[in-house]
């Protein structure tokens, strides 16, 4: 079964397409007039997420709560630069850039 953005549901094996609005099945000729009406929400509508989806949601929350920058690593590099202990390896940088370009390809 395929879902698309105009609220129609169709089976890819058949040529017919039906539009669903408020649990009523409407033929394609009537779909334009029905879908132009505002959707009515029912208090009985429910969604149940699988355990995998719940875990993904929890992981997303953890990711959102973590800082974008590892300040400990940044401070370590700053300290190494200040002490003259940080050395740039141009070959390693060039290789990483080439690898990234291949991924974006």
C-alpha atoms as a PDB file:
ATOM      1  CA  UNK A   1       0.000   0.000   0.000  1.00  0.00           C
ATOM      2  CA  UNK A   2       1.323   3.465  -0.897  1.00  0.00           C
ATOM      3  CA  UNK A   3       0.510   6.714   0.886  1.00  0.00           C
ATOM      4  CA  UNK A   4       1.021  10.062  -0.761  1.00  0.00           C
ATOM      5  CA  UNK A   5       0.722  13.646   0.385  1.00  0.00           C
ATOM      6  CA  UNK A   6      -2.766  14.303  -0.963  1.00  0.00           C
ATOM      7  CA  UNK A   7      -4.300  11.905   1.557  1.00  0.00           C
ATOM      8  CA  UNK A   8      -5.008   9.174  -0.967  1.00  0.00           C
ATOM      9  CA  UNK A   9      -4.363   5.527  -0.366  1.00  0.00           C
ATOM     10  CA  UNK A  10      -3.647   3.243  -3.244  1.00  0.00           C
ATOM     11  CA  UNK A  11      -2.402  -0.255  -3.799  1.00  0.00           C
ATOM     12  CA  UNK A  12       0.468  -0.189  -6.271  1.00  0.00           C
ATOM     13  CA  UNK A  13      -0.888  -3.412  -7.833  1.00  0.00           C
ATOM     14  CA  UNK A  14      -4.230  -1.884  -8.839  1.00  0.00           C
ATOM     15  CA  UNK A  15      -5.159   1.077 -10.993  1.00  0.00           C
ATOM     16  CA  UNK A  16      -7.845   2.453  -8.649  1.00  0.00           C
ATOM     17  CA  UNK A  17      -7.135   5.107  -6.061  1.00  0.00           C
ATOM     18  CA  UNK A  18      -9.400   5.921  -3.155  1.00  0.00           C
ATOM     19  CA  UNK A  19      -9.411   8.948  -0.918  1.00  0.00           C
ATOM     20  CA  UNK A  20     -10.037   8.582   2.825  1.00  0.00           C
ATOM     21  CA  UNK A  21     -11.532  11.382   4.867  1.00  0.00           C
ATOM     22  CA  UNK A  22     -12.981  10.833   8.335  1.00  0.00           C
ATOM     23  CA  UNK A  23     -13.087   7.045   7.805  1.00  0.00           C
ATOM     24  CA  UNK A  24     -15.310   7.339   4.707  1.00  0.00           C
ATOM     25  CA  UNK A  25     -14.200   5.821   1.404  1.00  0.00           C
ATOM     26  CA  UNK A  26     -14.757   8.193  -1.505  1.00  0.00           C
ATOM     27  CA  UNK A  27     -14.332   7.496  -5.188  1.00  0.00           C
ATOM     28  CA  UNK A  28     -11.772   9.624  -7.112  1.00  0.00           C
ATOM     29  CA  UNK A  29     -14.427  11.775  -8.801  1.00  0.00           C
ATOM     30  CA  UNK A  30     -15.721  12.889  -5.385  1.00  0.00           C
ATOM     31  CA  UNK A  31     -12.296  13.176  -3.752  1.00  0.00           C
ATOM     32  CA  UNK A  32     -11.646  16.782  -4.808  1.00  0.00           C
ATOM     33  CA  UNK A  33     -14.753  18.098  -3.092  1.00  0.00           C
ATOM     34  CA  UNK A  34     -14.240  16.048   0.061  1.00  0.00           C
ATOM     35  CA  UNK A  35     -10.531  16.799   0.563  1.00  0.00           C
ATOM     36  CA  UNK A  36     -11.097  20.541   0.274  1.00  0.00           C
ATOM     37  CA  UNK A  37     -13.110  20.472   3.505  1.00  0.00           C
ATOM     38  CA  UNK A  38     -11.243  20.885   6.817  1.00  0.00           C
ATOM     39  CA  UNK A  39     -10.462  17.633   8.580  1.00  0.00           C
ATOM     40  CA  UNK A  40     -12.453  16.885  11.722  1.00  0.00           C
ATOM     41  CA  UNK A  41     -10.435  15.380  14.549  1.00  0.00           C
ATOM     42  CA  UNK A  42     -12.004  12.639  16.568  1.00  0.00           C
ATOM     43  CA  UNK A  43     -11.222  12.116  20.228  1.00  0.00           C
ATOM     44  CA  UNK A  44     -10.990   8.386  19.444  1.00  0.00           C
ATOM     45  CA  UNK A  45      -7.971   8.818  17.155  1.00  0.00           C
ATOM     46  CA  UNK A  46      -4.946   7.057  18.623  1.00  0.00           C
ATOM     47  CA  UNK A  47      -1.434   6.223  17.549  1.00  0.00           C
ATOM     48  CA  UNK A  48       0.640   3.424  19.007  1.00  0.00           C
ATOM     49  CA  UNK A  49       4.389   3.479  18.446  1.00  0.00           C
ATOM     50  CA  UNK A  50       6.422   0.311  18.224  1.00  0.00           C
ATOM     51  CA  UNK A  51       9.187  -0.328  20.728  1.00  0.00           C
ATOM     52  CA  UNK A  52      11.741   0.518  18.046  1.00  0.00           C
ATOM     53  CA  UNK A  53      10.074   3.866  17.355  1.00  0.00           C
ATOM     54  CA  UNK A  54       9.967   4.624  21.083  1.00  0.00           C
ATOM     55  CA  UNK A  55      13.688   3.797  21.387  1.00  0.00           C
ATOM     56  CA  UNK A  56      14.455   6.027  18.404  1.00  0.00           C
ATOM     57  CA  UNK A  57      12.510   8.834  20.053  1.00  0.00           C
ATOM     58  CA  UNK A  58      14.500   8.389  23.257  1.00  0.00           C
ATOM     59  CA  UNK A  59      17.778   8.402  21.311  1.00  0.00           C
ATOM     60  CA  UNK A  60      16.702  11.544  19.455  1.00  0.00           C
ATOM     61  CA  UNK A  61      15.982  13.223  22.794  1.00  0.00           C
ATOM     62  CA  UNK A  62      19.442  12.279  24.081  1.00  0.00           C
ATOM     63  CA  UNK A  63      21.061  13.603  20.907  1.00  0.00           C
ATOM     64  CA  UNK A  64      19.117  16.860  21.159  1.00  0.00           C
ATOM     65  CA  UNK A  65      20.173  17.233  24.807  1.00  0.00           C
ATOM     66  CA  UNK A  66      23.871  16.711  24.081  1.00  0.00           C
ATOM     67  CA  UNK A  67      26.022  19.710  23.146  1.00  0.00           C
ATOM     68  CA  UNK A  68      26.928  20.212  19.490  1.00  0.00           C
ATOM     69  CA  UNK A  69      30.577  20.793  20.398  1.00  0.00           C
ATOM     70  CA  UNK A  70      32.807  18.708  22.648  1.00  0.00           C
ATOM     71  CA  UNK A  71      34.143  21.561  24.766  1.00  0.00           C
ATOM     72  CA  UNK A  72      36.592  19.265  26.527  1.00  0.00           C
ATOM     73  CA  UNK A  73      38.200  18.351  23.191  1.00  0.00           C
ATOM     74  CA  UNK A  74      38.216  21.999  22.068  1.00  0.00           C
ATOM     75  CA  UNK A  75      39.967  23.082  25.273  1.00  0.00           C
ATOM     76  CA  UNK A  76      42.491  20.242  24.909  1.00  0.00           C
ATOM     77  CA  UNK A  77      43.365  21.388  21.377  1.00  0.00           C
ATOM     78  CA  UNK A  78      43.569  25.041  22.475  1.00  0.00           C
ATOM     79  CA  UNK A  79      45.947  24.064  25.261  1.00  0.00           C
ATOM     80  CA  UNK A  80      48.114  22.049  22.844  1.00  0.00           C
ATOM     81  CA  UNK A  81      48.247  24.986  20.404  1.00  0.00           C
ATOM     82  CA  UNK A  82      49.181  27.404  23.190  1.00  0.00           C
ATOM     83  CA  UNK A  83      51.949  25.066  24.348  1.00  0.00           C
ATOM     84  CA  UNK A  84      53.219  24.519  20.790  1.00  0.00           C
ATOM     85  CA  UNK A  85      52.407  20.790  20.960  1.00  0.00           C
ATOM     86  CA  UNK A  86      49.700  20.725  18.297  1.00  0.00           C
ATOM     87  CA  UNK A  87      51.022  19.625  14.926  1.00  0.00           C
ATOM     88  CA  UNK A  88      49.019  19.764  11.710  1.00  0.00           C
ATOM     89  CA  UNK A  89      49.309  16.746   9.431  1.00  0.00           C
ATOM     90  CA  UNK A  90      48.477  18.088   5.925  1.00  0.00           C
ATOM     91  CA  UNK A  91      48.395  14.593   4.396  1.00  0.00           C
ATOM     92  CA  UNK A  92      45.778  13.464   6.901  1.00  0.00           C
ATOM     93  CA  UNK A  93      43.680  16.585   6.213  1.00  0.00           C
ATOM     94  CA  UNK A  94      43.926  16.094   2.429  1.00  0.00           C
ATOM     95  CA  UNK A  95      42.947  12.432   2.741  1.00  0.00           C
ATOM     96  CA  UNK A  96      39.931  13.298   4.899  1.00  0.00           C
ATOM     97  CA  UNK A  97      38.806  15.948   2.393  1.00  0.00           C
ATOM     98  CA  UNK A  98      39.078  13.476  -0.490  1.00  0.00           C
ATOM     99  CA  UNK A  99      37.136  10.857   1.445  1.00  0.00           C
ATOM    100  CA  UNK A 100      34.408  13.375   2.214  1.00  0.00           C
ATOM    101  CA  UNK A 101      34.210  14.393  -1.443  1.00  0.00           C
ATOM    102  CA  UNK A 102      33.793  10.732  -2.426  1.00  0.00           C
ATOM    103  CA  UNK A 103      30.914  10.363   0.053  1.00  0.00           C
ATOM    104  CA  UNK A 104      29.170  13.453  -1.311  1.00  0.00           C
ATOM    105  CA  UNK A 105      30.024  12.336  -4.821  1.00  0.00           C
END
